[in-house]
Amino acid sequence: GDVHHFFPSINHDFLKRQIRRTISD
């Protein structure tokens, strides 16, 4: 399996939420 059009489809809000699960600075 793989993700359809992965890089163009990455959701910014979802990604930012994941980043904030590691970085709080």
PDB file of all heavy atoms in Angstrom:
ATOM      1  N   GLY A   1       0.805  -1.218   0.000  1.00  0.00           N
ATOM      2  CA  GLY A   1       0.000   0.000   0.000  1.00  0.00           C
ATOM      3  C   GLY A   1       0.836   1.265   0.000  1.00  0.00           C
ATOM      4  O   GLY A   1       2.023   1.244   0.341  1.00  0.00           O
ATOM      5  N   ASP A   2       0.219   2.343  -0.393  1.00  0.00           N
ATOM      6  CA  ASP A   2       0.865   3.659  -0.298  1.00  0.00           C
ATOM      7  C   ASP A   2      -0.198   4.736  -0.296  1.00  0.00           C
ATOM      8  O   ASP A   2      -1.387   4.462  -0.522  1.00  0.00           O
ATOM      9  CB  ASP A   2       1.883   3.870  -1.428  1.00  0.00           C
ATOM     10  CG  ASP A   2       1.227   3.955  -2.797  1.00  0.00           C
ATOM     11  OD1 ASP A   2       0.849   2.904  -3.354  1.00  0.00           O
ATOM     12  OD2 ASP A   2       1.076   5.077  -3.307  1.00  0.00           O
ATOM     13  N   VAL A   3       0.226   5.964  -0.045  1.00  0.00           N
ATOM     14  CA  VAL A   3      -0.688   7.095   0.053  1.00  0.00           C
ATOM     15  C   VAL A   3      -0.797   7.770  -1.306  1.00  0.00           C
ATOM     16  O   VAL A   3       0.214   8.002  -1.981  1.00  0.00           O
ATOM     17  CB  VAL A   3      -0.205   8.101   1.106  1.00  0.00           C
ATOM     18  CG1 VAL A   3      -1.175   9.279   1.217  1.00  0.00           C
ATOM     19  CG2 VAL A   3      -0.051   7.418   2.463  1.00  0.00           C
ATOM     20  N   HIS A   4      -2.003   8.084  -1.692  1.00  0.00           N
ATOM     21  CA  HIS A   4      -2.258   8.725  -2.988  1.00  0.00           C
ATOM     22  C   HIS A   4      -1.808  10.188  -2.931  1.00  0.00           C
ATOM     23  O   HIS A   4      -2.256  10.956  -2.085  1.00  0.00           O
ATOM     24  CB  HIS A   4      -3.749   8.643  -3.308  1.00  0.00           C
ATOM     25  CG  HIS A   4      -4.111   9.145  -4.665  1.00  0.00           C
ATOM     26  ND1 HIS A   4      -3.586   8.622  -5.827  1.00  0.00           N
ATOM     27  CD2 HIS A   4      -4.965  10.132  -5.053  1.00  0.00           C
ATOM     28  CE1 HIS A   4      -4.097   9.232  -6.869  1.00  0.00           C
ATOM     29  NE2 HIS A   4      -4.923  10.170  -6.422  1.00  0.00           N
ATOM     30  N   HIS A   5      -0.871  10.554  -3.834  1.00  0.00           N
ATOM     31  CA  HIS A   5      -0.368  11.934  -3.902  1.00  0.00           C
ATOM     32  C   HIS A   5       0.010  12.444  -2.509  1.00  0.00           C
ATOM     33  O   HIS A   5      -0.511  13.457  -2.029  1.00  0.00           O
ATOM     34  CB  HIS A   5      -1.407  12.865  -4.528  1.00  0.00           C
ATOM     35  CG  HIS A   5      -1.685  12.561  -5.967  1.00  0.00           C
ATOM     36  ND1 HIS A   5      -2.837  12.949  -6.607  1.00  0.00           N
ATOM     37  CD2 HIS A   5      -0.954  11.897  -6.898  1.00  0.00           C
ATOM     38  CE1 HIS A   5      -2.814  12.542  -7.864  1.00  0.00           C
ATOM     39  NE2 HIS A   5      -1.676  11.890  -8.071  1.00  0.00           N
ATOM     40  N   PHE A   6       0.951  11.743  -1.893  1.00  0.00           N
ATOM     41  CA  PHE A   6       1.236  11.949  -0.476  1.00  0.00           C
ATOM     42  C   PHE A   6       1.644  13.382  -0.143  1.00  0.00           C
ATOM     43  O   PHE A   6       0.953  14.079   0.627  1.00  0.00           O
ATOM     44  CB  PHE A   6       2.313  10.968  -0.021  1.00  0.00           C
ATOM     45  CG  PHE A   6       2.717  11.115   1.421  1.00  0.00           C
ATOM     46  CD1 PHE A   6       1.772  11.254   2.422  1.00  0.00           C
ATOM     47  CD2 PHE A   6       4.056  11.114   1.786  1.00  0.00           C
ATOM     48  CE1 PHE A   6       2.138  11.384   3.755  1.00  0.00           C
ATOM     49  CE2 PHE A   6       4.429  11.246   3.113  1.00  0.00           C
ATOM     50  CZ  PHE A   6       3.477  11.383   4.093  1.00  0.00           C
ATOM     51  N   PHE A   7       2.759  13.862  -0.690  1.00  0.00           N
ATOM     52  CA  PHE A   7       3.260  15.185  -0.304  1.00  0.00           C
ATOM     53  C   PHE A   7       2.263  16.305  -0.612  1.00  0.00           C
ATOM     54  O   PHE A   7       2.026  17.183   0.233  1.00  0.00           O
ATOM     55  CB  PHE A   7       4.614  15.458  -0.954  1.00  0.00           C
ATOM     56  CG  PHE A   7       5.769  14.824  -0.237  1.00  0.00           C
ATOM     57  CD1 PHE A   7       6.231  13.575  -0.593  1.00  0.00           C
ATOM     58  CD2 PHE A   7       6.383  15.469   0.820  1.00  0.00           C
ATOM     59  CE1 PHE A   7       7.283  12.977   0.070  1.00  0.00           C
ATOM     60  CE2 PHE A   7       7.443  14.892   1.506  1.00  0.00           C
ATOM     61  CZ  PHE A   7       7.891  13.638   1.130  1.00  0.00           C
ATOM     62  N   PRO A   8       1.633  16.318  -1.790  1.00  0.00           N
ATOM     63  CA  PRO A   8       0.653  17.386  -2.053  1.00  0.00           C
ATOM     64  C   PRO A   8      -0.596  17.306  -1.180  1.00  0.00           C
ATOM     65  O   PRO A   8      -1.359  18.274  -1.118  1.00  0.00           O
ATOM     66  CB  PRO A   8       0.295  17.164  -3.540  1.00  0.00           C
ATOM     67  CG  PRO A   8       1.412  16.364  -4.112  1.00  0.00           C
ATOM     68  CD  PRO A   8       1.887  15.495  -2.994  1.00  0.00           C
ATOM     69  N   SER A   9      -0.817  16.165  -0.507  1.00  0.00           N
ATOM     70  CA  SER A   9      -2.048  15.975   0.260  1.00  0.00           C
ATOM     71  C   SER A   9      -1.879  16.166   1.759  1.00  0.00           C
ATOM     72  O   SER A   9      -2.873  16.106   2.496  1.00  0.00           O
ATOM     73  CB  SER A   9      -2.604  14.564   0.004  1.00  0.00           C
ATOM     74  OG  SER A   9      -2.863  14.360  -1.365  1.00  0.00           O
ATOM     75  N   ILE A  10      -0.664  16.362   2.238  1.00  0.00           N
ATOM     76  CA  ILE A  10      -0.451  16.471   3.682  1.00  0.00           C
ATOM     77  C   ILE A  10      -1.205  17.686   4.231  1.00  0.00           C
ATOM     78  O   ILE A  10      -0.991  18.822   3.803  1.00  0.00           O
ATOM     79  CB  ILE A  10       1.049  16.570   4.003  1.00  0.00           C
ATOM     80  CG1 ILE A  10       1.736  15.243   3.662  1.00  0.00           C
ATOM     81  CG2 ILE A  10       1.276  16.939   5.470  1.00  0.00           C
ATOM     82  CD1 ILE A  10       3.236  15.252   3.854  1.00  0.00           C
ATOM     83  N   ASN A  11      -2.086  17.431   5.174  1.00  0.00           N
ATOM     84  CA  ASN A  11      -2.929  18.469   5.753  1.00  0.00           C
ATOM     85  C   ASN A  11      -2.136  19.292   6.765  1.00  0.00           C
ATOM     86  O   ASN A  11      -1.570  18.755   7.715  1.00  0.00           O
ATOM     87  CB  ASN A  11      -4.151  17.819   6.430  1.00  0.00           C
ATOM     88  CG  ASN A  11      -5.102  18.842   7.006  1.00  0.00           C
ATOM     89  OD1 ASN A  11      -4.902  19.334   8.112  1.00  0.00           O
ATOM     90  ND2 ASN A  11      -6.135  19.169   6.249  1.00  0.00           N
ATOM     91  N   HIS A  12      -2.113  20.612   6.571  1.00  0.00           N
ATOM     92  CA  HIS A  12      -1.306  21.476   7.428  1.00  0.00           C
ATOM     93  C   HIS A  12      -1.771  21.458   8.881  1.00  0.00           C
ATOM     94  O   HIS A  12      -0.950  21.385   9.807  1.00  0.00           O
ATOM     95  CB  HIS A  12      -1.330  22.910   6.884  1.00  0.00           C
ATOM     96  CG  HIS A  12      -0.573  23.082   5.616  1.00  0.00           C
ATOM     97  ND1 HIS A  12      -0.310  24.317   5.041  1.00  0.00           N
ATOM     98  CD2 HIS A  12       0.004  22.171   4.785  1.00  0.00           C
ATOM     99  CE1 HIS A  12       0.383  24.154   3.925  1.00  0.00           C
ATOM    100  NE2 HIS A  12       0.579  22.872   3.744  1.00  0.00           N
ATOM    101  N   ASP A  13      -3.069  21.541   9.097  1.00  0.00           N
ATOM    102  CA  ASP A  13      -3.568  21.569  10.475  1.00  0.00           C
ATOM    103  C   ASP A  13      -3.236  20.262  11.203  1.00  0.00           C
ATOM    104  O   ASP A  13      -2.828  20.280  12.376  1.00  0.00           O
ATOM    105  CB  ASP A  13      -5.076  21.815  10.493  1.00  0.00           C
ATOM    106  CG  ASP A  13      -5.435  23.257  10.182  1.00  0.00           C
ATOM    107  OD1 ASP A  13      -4.534  24.116  10.320  1.00  0.00           O
ATOM    108  OD2 ASP A  13      -6.588  23.519   9.811  1.00  0.00           O
ATOM    109  N   PHE A  14      -3.437  19.144  10.531  1.00  0.00           N
ATOM    110  CA  PHE A  14      -3.117  17.856  11.151  1.00  0.00           C
ATOM    111  C   PHE A  14      -1.637  17.780  11.487  1.00  0.00           C
ATOM    112  O   PHE A  14      -1.250  17.363  12.591  1.00  0.00           O
ATOM    113  CB  PHE A  14      -3.507  16.711  10.215  1.00  0.00           C
ATOM    114  CG  PHE A  14      -3.194  15.336  10.768  1.00  0.00           C
ATOM    115  CD1 PHE A  14      -4.080  14.711  11.638  1.00  0.00           C
ATOM    116  CD2 PHE A  14      -2.005  14.686  10.449  1.00  0.00           C
ATOM    117  CE1 PHE A  14      -3.795  13.455  12.164  1.00  0.00           C
ATOM    118  CE2 PHE A  14      -1.709  13.433  10.967  1.00  0.00           C
ATOM    119  CZ  PHE A  14      -2.604  12.819  11.826  1.00  0.00           C
ATOM    120  N   LEU A  15      -0.781  18.186  10.543  1.00  0.00           N
ATOM    121  CA  LEU A  15       0.661  18.150  10.765  1.00  0.00           C
ATOM    122  C   LEU A  15       1.063  19.050  11.932  1.00  0.00           C
ATOM    123  O   LEU A  15       1.864  18.654  12.792  1.00  0.00           O
ATOM    124  CB  LEU A  15       1.399  18.567   9.496  1.00  0.00           C
ATOM    125  CG  LEU A  15       2.918  18.754   9.598  1.00  0.00           C
ATOM    126  CD1 LEU A  15       3.591  17.479  10.087  1.00  0.00           C
ATOM    127  CD2 LEU A  15       3.495  19.192   8.250  1.00  0.00           C
ATOM    128  N   LYS A  16       0.515  20.246  11.989  1.00  0.00           N
ATOM    129  CA  LYS A  16       0.858  21.165  13.076  1.00  0.00           C
ATOM    130  C   LYS A  16       0.452  20.590  14.436  1.00  0.00           C
ATOM    131  O   LYS A  16       1.181  20.756  15.427  1.00  0.00           O
ATOM    132  CB  LYS A  16       0.194  22.522  12.845  1.00  0.00           C
ATOM    133  CG  LYS A  16       0.783  23.299  11.679  1.00  0.00           C
ATOM    134  CD  LYS A  16      -0.004  24.588  11.439  1.00  0.00           C
ATOM    135  CE  LYS A  16       0.530  25.334  10.232  1.00  0.00           C
ATOM    136  NZ  LYS A  16      -0.253  26.562   9.950  1.00  0.00           N
ATOM    137  N   ARG A  17      -0.672  19.915  14.485  1.00  0.00           N
ATOM    138  CA  ARG A  17      -1.095  19.295  15.748  1.00  0.00           C
ATOM    139  C   ARG A  17      -0.111  18.201  16.165  1.00  0.00           C
ATOM    140  O   ARG A  17       0.214  18.072  17.359  1.00  0.00           O
ATOM    141  CB  ARG A  17      -2.501  18.715  15.610  1.00  0.00           C
ATOM    142  CG  ARG A  17      -3.599  19.748  15.510  1.00  0.00           C
ATOM    143  CD  ARG A  17      -4.965  19.152  15.817  1.00  0.00           C
ATOM    144  NE  ARG A  17      -5.319  18.069  14.917  1.00  0.00           N
ATOM    145  CZ  ARG A  17      -5.949  18.234  13.758  1.00  0.00           C
ATOM    146  NH1 ARG A  17      -6.275  19.445  13.342  1.00  0.00           N
ATOM    147  NH2 ARG A  17      -6.255  17.191  13.007  1.00  0.00           N
ATOM    148  N   GLN A  18       0.372  17.445  15.195  1.00  0.00           N
ATOM    149  CA  GLN A  18       1.335  16.392  15.520  1.00  0.00           C
ATOM    150  C   GLN A  18       2.660  16.980  15.992  1.00  0.00           C
ATOM    151  O   GLN A  18       3.286  16.472  16.922  1.00  0.00           O
ATOM    152  CB  GLN A  18       1.556  15.484  14.293  1.00  0.00           C
ATOM    153  CG  GLN A  18       0.320  14.752  13.821  1.00  0.00           C
ATOM    154  CD  GLN A  18      -0.385  14.023  14.943  1.00  0.00           C
ATOM    155  OE1 GLN A  18       0.230  13.281  15.710  1.00  0.00           O
ATOM    156  NE2 GLN A  18      -1.692  14.238  15.054  1.00  0.00           N
ATOM    157  N   ILE A  19       3.086  18.051  15.362  1.00  0.00           N
ATOM    158  CA  ILE A  19       4.344  18.706  15.771  1.00  0.00           C
ATOM    159  C   ILE A  19       4.223  19.217  17.205  1.00  0.00           C
ATOM    160  O   ILE A  19       5.162  19.104  18.007  1.00  0.00           O
ATOM    161  CB  ILE A  19       4.681  19.857  14.801  1.00  0.00           C
ATOM    162  CG1 ILE A  19       5.097  19.287  13.441  1.00  0.00           C
ATOM    163  CG2 ILE A  19       5.791  20.743  15.370  1.00  0.00           C
ATOM    164  CD1 ILE A  19       5.314  20.332  12.377  1.00  0.00           C
ATOM    165  N   ARG A  20       3.062  19.739  17.557  1.00  0.00           N
ATOM    166  CA  ARG A  20       2.859  20.273  18.903  1.00  0.00           C
ATOM    167  C   ARG A  20       2.727  19.185  19.955  1.00  0.00           C
ATOM    168  O   ARG A  20       2.708  19.495  21.154  1.00  0.00           O
ATOM    169  CB  ARG A  20       1.637  21.196  18.898  1.00  0.00           C
ATOM    170  CG  ARG A  20       1.961  22.565  18.303  1.00  0.00           C
ATOM    171  CD  ARG A  20       0.719  23.302  17.796  1.00  0.00           C
ATOM    172  NE  ARG A  20       1.066  24.658  17.375  1.00  0.00           N
ATOM    173  CZ  ARG A  20       1.685  24.975  16.231  1.00  0.00           C
ATOM    174  NH1 ARG A  20       2.038  24.008  15.390  1.00  0.00           N
ATOM    175  NH2 ARG A  20       1.954  26.229  15.920  1.00  0.00           N
ATOM    176  N   ARG A  21       2.662  17.949  19.548  1.00  0.00           N
ATOM    177  CA  ARG A  21       2.715  16.834  20.490  1.00  0.00           C
ATOM    178  C   ARG A  21       4.166  16.536  20.899  1.00  0.00           C
ATOM    179  O   ARG A  21       4.401  15.709  21.787  1.00  0.00           O
ATOM    180  CB  ARG A  21       2.075  15.590  19.880  1.00  0.00           C
ATOM    181  CG  ARG A  21       0.564  15.714  19.687  1.00  0.00           C
ATOM    182  CD  ARG A  21      -0.016  14.515  18.940  1.00  0.00           C
ATOM    183  NE  ARG A  21       0.155  13.282  19.713  1.00  0.00           N
ATOM    184  CZ  ARG A  21      -0.674  12.856  20.649  1.00  0.00           C
ATOM    185  NH1 ARG A  21      -1.759  13.570  20.944  1.00  0.00           N
ATOM    186  NH2 ARG A  21      -0.470  11.710  21.277  1.00  0.00           N
ATOM    187  N   THR A  22       5.121  17.197  20.233  1.00  0.00           N
ATOM    188  CA  THR A  22       6.540  16.997  20.560  1.00  0.00           C
ATOM    189  C   THR A  22       7.225  18.302  20.943  1.00  0.00           C
ATOM    190  O   THR A  22       8.023  18.338  21.872  1.00  0.00           O
ATOM    191  CB  THR A  22       7.273  16.366  19.365  1.00  0.00           C
ATOM    192  OG1 THR A  22       6.701  15.084  19.076  1.00  0.00           O
ATOM    193  CG2 THR A  22       8.763  16.188  19.649  1.00  0.00           C
ATOM    194  N   ILE A  23       6.902  19.386  20.238  1.00  0.00           N
ATOM    195  CA  ILE A  23       7.552  20.672  20.463  1.00  0.00           C
ATOM    196  C   ILE A  23       6.562  21.648  21.096  1.00  0.00           C
ATOM    197  O   ILE A  23       5.423  21.792  20.619  1.00  0.00           O
ATOM    198  CB  ILE A  23       8.066  21.278  19.137  1.00  0.00           C
ATOM    199  CG1 ILE A  23       9.026  20.307  18.440  1.00  0.00           C
ATOM    200  CG2 ILE A  23       8.753  22.623  19.387  1.00  0.00           C
ATOM    201  CD1 ILE A  23      10.274  20.003  19.223  1.00  0.00           C
ATOM    202  N   SER A  24       6.992  22.323  22.158  1.00  0.00           N
ATOM    203  CA  SER A  24       6.148  23.339  22.787  1.00  0.00           C
ATOM    204  C   SER A  24       6.811  24.711  22.801  1.00  0.00           C
ATOM    205  O   SER A  24       6.225  25.672  23.312  1.00  0.00           O
ATOM    206  CB  SER A  24       5.787  22.925  24.220  1.00  0.00           C
ATOM    207  OG  SER A  24       6.951  22.663  24.987  1.00  0.00           O
ATOM    208  N   ASP A  25       8.020  24.809  22.250  1.00  0.00           N
ATOM    209  CA  ASP A  25       8.728  26.090  22.170  1.00  0.00           C
ATOM    210  C   ASP A  25       8.013  26.968  21.133  1.00  0.00           C
ATOM    211  O   ASP A  25       8.043  26.682  19.935  1.00  0.00           O
ATOM    212  CB  ASP A  25      10.188  25.843  21.766  1.00  0.00           C
ATOM    213  CG  ASP A  25      11.035  27.099  21.863  1.00  0.00           C
ATOM    214  OD1 ASP A  25      10.645  28.121  21.263  1.00  0.00           O
ATOM    215  OD2 ASP A  25      12.081  27.063  22.529  1.00  0.00           O
TER     216      ASP A  25
END
